[in-house]
């Protein structure tokens, strides 16, 4: 399963970004292969409709789950329609810490 995590940089020792739709990168972690890859959030500077655009971007990359500090209501609506589960993080963590939580 592909899990999308908003990232402040494109390396696993970077912190999760507090902004879902405006983060610069997404870490896409594959729980089957235990591999991470990064995509640029080329939607982050959109003037409007940002949340739904980012939800579509993640769906196009095969994401089935999002782990984020917050997700706006419009993005939540689209993620739900796309059957992408949202898991909220209660504190900011490094991507490594989030990945470690996925692989106990």
C-alpha atoms as a PDB file:
ATOM      1  CA  UNK A   1       0.000   0.000   0.000  1.00  0.00           C
ATOM      2  CA  UNK A   2       1.227   3.505  -0.816  1.00  0.00           C
ATOM      3  CA  UNK A   3       1.119   5.998   2.056  1.00  0.00           C
ATOM      4  CA  UNK A   4       1.563   9.718   1.326  1.00  0.00           C
ATOM      5  CA  UNK A   5       3.239  11.920   3.931  1.00  0.00           C
ATOM      6  CA  UNK A   6       3.590  15.716   3.485  1.00  0.00           C
ATOM      7  CA  UNK A   7       7.318  16.457   3.642  1.00  0.00           C
ATOM      8  CA  UNK A   8       9.316  19.623   4.266  1.00  0.00           C
ATOM      9  CA  UNK A   9      12.187  18.274   2.113  1.00  0.00           C
ATOM     10  CA  UNK A  10      12.869  15.313  -0.169  1.00  0.00           C
ATOM     11  CA  UNK A  11      14.835  13.163   2.277  1.00  0.00           C
ATOM     12  CA  UNK A  12      13.701  10.810   5.027  1.00  0.00           C
ATOM     13  CA  UNK A  13      15.414  12.729   7.845  1.00  0.00           C
ATOM     14  CA  UNK A  14      13.268  15.773   7.022  1.00  0.00           C
ATOM     15  CA  UNK A  15      10.236  16.675   9.112  1.00  0.00           C
ATOM     16  CA  UNK A  16       6.650  16.172   8.127  1.00  0.00           C
ATOM     17  CA  UNK A  17       5.269  19.427   6.808  1.00  0.00           C
ATOM     18  CA  UNK A  18       2.480  20.935   8.882  1.00  0.00           C
ATOM     19  CA  UNK A  19       0.688  21.998   5.692  1.00  0.00           C
ATOM     20  CA  UNK A  20      -0.978  19.244   3.704  1.00  0.00           C
ATOM     21  CA  UNK A  21      -1.778  20.926   0.403  1.00  0.00           C
ATOM     22  CA  UNK A  22       1.039  23.500   0.468  1.00  0.00           C
ATOM     23  CA  UNK A  23       3.898  21.178   1.410  1.00  0.00           C
ATOM     24  CA  UNK A  24       6.803  21.216  -1.066  1.00  0.00           C
ATOM     25  CA  UNK A  25       7.093  17.408  -1.338  1.00  0.00           C
ATOM     26  CA  UNK A  26       5.257  14.209  -0.561  1.00  0.00           C
ATOM     27  CA  UNK A  27       7.025  11.100   0.625  1.00  0.00           C
ATOM     28  CA  UNK A  28       5.326   8.079  -0.917  1.00  0.00           C
ATOM     29  CA  UNK A  29       6.082   5.068   1.243  1.00  0.00           C
ATOM     30  CA  UNK A  30       5.253   1.593  -0.070  1.00  0.00           C
ATOM     31  CA  UNK A  31       4.446  -0.734   2.836  1.00  0.00           C
ATOM     32  CA  UNK A  32       4.924  -3.810   0.616  1.00  0.00           C
ATOM     33  CA  UNK A  33       8.449  -3.010  -0.601  1.00  0.00           C
ATOM     34  CA  UNK A  34       9.376  -0.732   2.348  1.00  0.00           C
ATOM     35  CA  UNK A  35      10.716   1.777  -0.164  1.00  0.00           C
ATOM     36  CA  UNK A  36      10.260   5.548  -0.122  1.00  0.00           C
ATOM     37  CA  UNK A  37      10.184   7.911  -3.051  1.00  0.00           C
ATOM     38  CA  UNK A  38       9.464  11.598  -3.251  1.00  0.00           C
ATOM     39  CA  UNK A  39       7.317  13.648  -5.576  1.00  0.00           C
ATOM     40  CA  UNK A  40       7.274  17.408  -5.931  1.00  0.00           C
ATOM     41  CA  UNK A  41       3.971  19.001  -4.965  1.00  0.00           C
ATOM     42  CA  UNK A  42       3.590  21.041  -8.134  1.00  0.00           C
ATOM     43  CA  UNK A  43       0.104  22.102  -6.996  1.00  0.00           C
ATOM     44  CA  UNK A  44       1.270  23.951  -3.841  1.00  0.00           C
ATOM     45  CA  UNK A  45       1.120  27.419  -5.402  1.00  0.00           C
ATOM     46  CA  UNK A  46      -2.355  27.116  -6.918  1.00  0.00           C
ATOM     47  CA  UNK A  47      -4.577  30.117  -6.170  1.00  0.00           C
ATOM     48  CA  UNK A  48      -7.704  28.093  -5.434  1.00  0.00           C
ATOM     49  CA  UNK A  49      -8.979  24.530  -5.308  1.00  0.00           C
ATOM     50  CA  UNK A  50      -5.653  23.436  -3.906  1.00  0.00           C
ATOM     51  CA  UNK A  51      -6.805  20.630  -1.568  1.00  0.00           C
ATOM     52  CA  UNK A  52      -8.788  18.749  -4.205  1.00  0.00           C
ATOM     53  CA  UNK A  53      -5.946  19.130  -6.745  1.00  0.00           C
ATOM     54  CA  UNK A  54      -3.459  17.645  -4.281  1.00  0.00           C
ATOM     55  CA  UNK A  55      -5.856  14.802  -3.453  1.00  0.00           C
ATOM     56  CA  UNK A  56      -6.059  13.969  -7.185  1.00  0.00           C
ATOM     57  CA  UNK A  57      -2.250  14.161  -7.476  1.00  0.00           C
ATOM     58  CA  UNK A  58      -1.846  11.619  -4.678  1.00  0.00           C
ATOM     59  CA  UNK A  59      -4.522   9.345  -6.148  1.00  0.00           C
ATOM     60  CA  UNK A  60      -2.707   9.451  -9.499  1.00  0.00           C
ATOM     61  CA  UNK A  61       0.424   8.205  -7.693  1.00  0.00           C
ATOM     62  CA  UNK A  62      -1.474   5.299  -6.131  1.00  0.00           C
ATOM     63  CA  UNK A  63      -1.804   6.610  -2.560  1.00  0.00           C
ATOM     64  CA  UNK A  64      -4.306   4.710  -0.422  1.00  0.00           C
ATOM     65  CA  UNK A  65      -3.586   6.495   2.854  1.00  0.00           C
ATOM     66  CA  UNK A  66      -2.397   9.945   3.980  1.00  0.00           C
ATOM     67  CA  UNK A  67      -0.574  10.594   7.258  1.00  0.00           C
ATOM     68  CA  UNK A  68      -0.627  14.343   7.961  1.00  0.00           C
ATOM     69  CA  UNK A  69      -0.843  16.923  10.747  1.00  0.00           C
ATOM     70  CA  UNK A  70      -4.008  18.396   9.231  1.00  0.00           C
ATOM     71  CA  UNK A  71      -6.095  18.088   6.091  1.00  0.00           C
ATOM     72  CA  UNK A  72      -8.521  20.791   5.026  1.00  0.00           C
ATOM     73  CA  UNK A  73     -12.237  20.051   4.589  1.00  0.00           C
ATOM     74  CA  UNK A  74     -12.256  20.219   0.781  1.00  0.00           C
ATOM     75  CA  UNK A  75      -9.244  17.906   0.535  1.00  0.00           C
ATOM     76  CA  UNK A  76     -10.865  15.558   3.083  1.00  0.00           C
ATOM     77  CA  UNK A  77     -13.998  15.380   0.971  1.00  0.00           C
ATOM     78  CA  UNK A  78     -12.081  14.448  -2.198  1.00  0.00           C
ATOM     79  CA  UNK A  79      -9.767  12.014  -0.387  1.00  0.00           C
ATOM     80  CA  UNK A  80     -12.841  10.275   1.034  1.00  0.00           C
ATOM     81  CA  UNK A  81     -14.439  10.090  -2.432  1.00  0.00           C
ATOM     82  CA  UNK A  82     -11.198   8.574  -3.753  1.00  0.00           C
ATOM     83  CA  UNK A  83     -11.185   6.014  -0.896  1.00  0.00           C
ATOM     84  CA  UNK A  84      -7.929   7.391   0.513  1.00  0.00           C
ATOM     85  CA  UNK A  85      -7.828   7.027   4.299  1.00  0.00           C
ATOM     86  CA  UNK A  86      -6.650   9.979   6.410  1.00  0.00           C
ATOM     87  CA  UNK A  87      -4.593   9.366   9.553  1.00  0.00           C
ATOM     88  CA  UNK A  88      -3.793  12.482  11.564  1.00  0.00           C
ATOM     89  CA  UNK A  89      -0.434  12.853  13.294  1.00  0.00           C
ATOM     90  CA  UNK A  90      -0.659  14.469  16.731  1.00  0.00           C
ATOM     91  CA  UNK A  91       2.865  15.946  16.632  1.00  0.00           C
ATOM     92  CA  UNK A  92       5.402  16.831  13.998  1.00  0.00           C
ATOM     93  CA  UNK A  93       7.816  13.975  13.360  1.00  0.00           C
ATOM     94  CA  UNK A  94      10.594  13.140  10.955  1.00  0.00           C
ATOM     95  CA  UNK A  95       9.602  11.021   8.002  1.00  0.00           C
ATOM     96  CA  UNK A  96      11.813   8.270   9.438  1.00  0.00           C
ATOM     97  CA  UNK A  97       9.750   8.325  12.646  1.00  0.00           C
ATOM     98  CA  UNK A  98       6.480   8.084  10.729  1.00  0.00           C
ATOM     99  CA  UNK A  99       7.840   5.219   8.604  1.00  0.00           C
ATOM    100  CA  UNK A 100       9.046   3.435  11.741  1.00  0.00           C
ATOM    101  CA  UNK A 101       5.487   3.671  13.128  1.00  0.00           C
ATOM    102  CA  UNK A 102       4.272   1.934   9.958  1.00  0.00           C
ATOM    103  CA  UNK A 103       6.782  -0.902  10.448  1.00  0.00           C
ATOM    104  CA  UNK A 104       6.684  -1.813  14.141  1.00  0.00           C
END
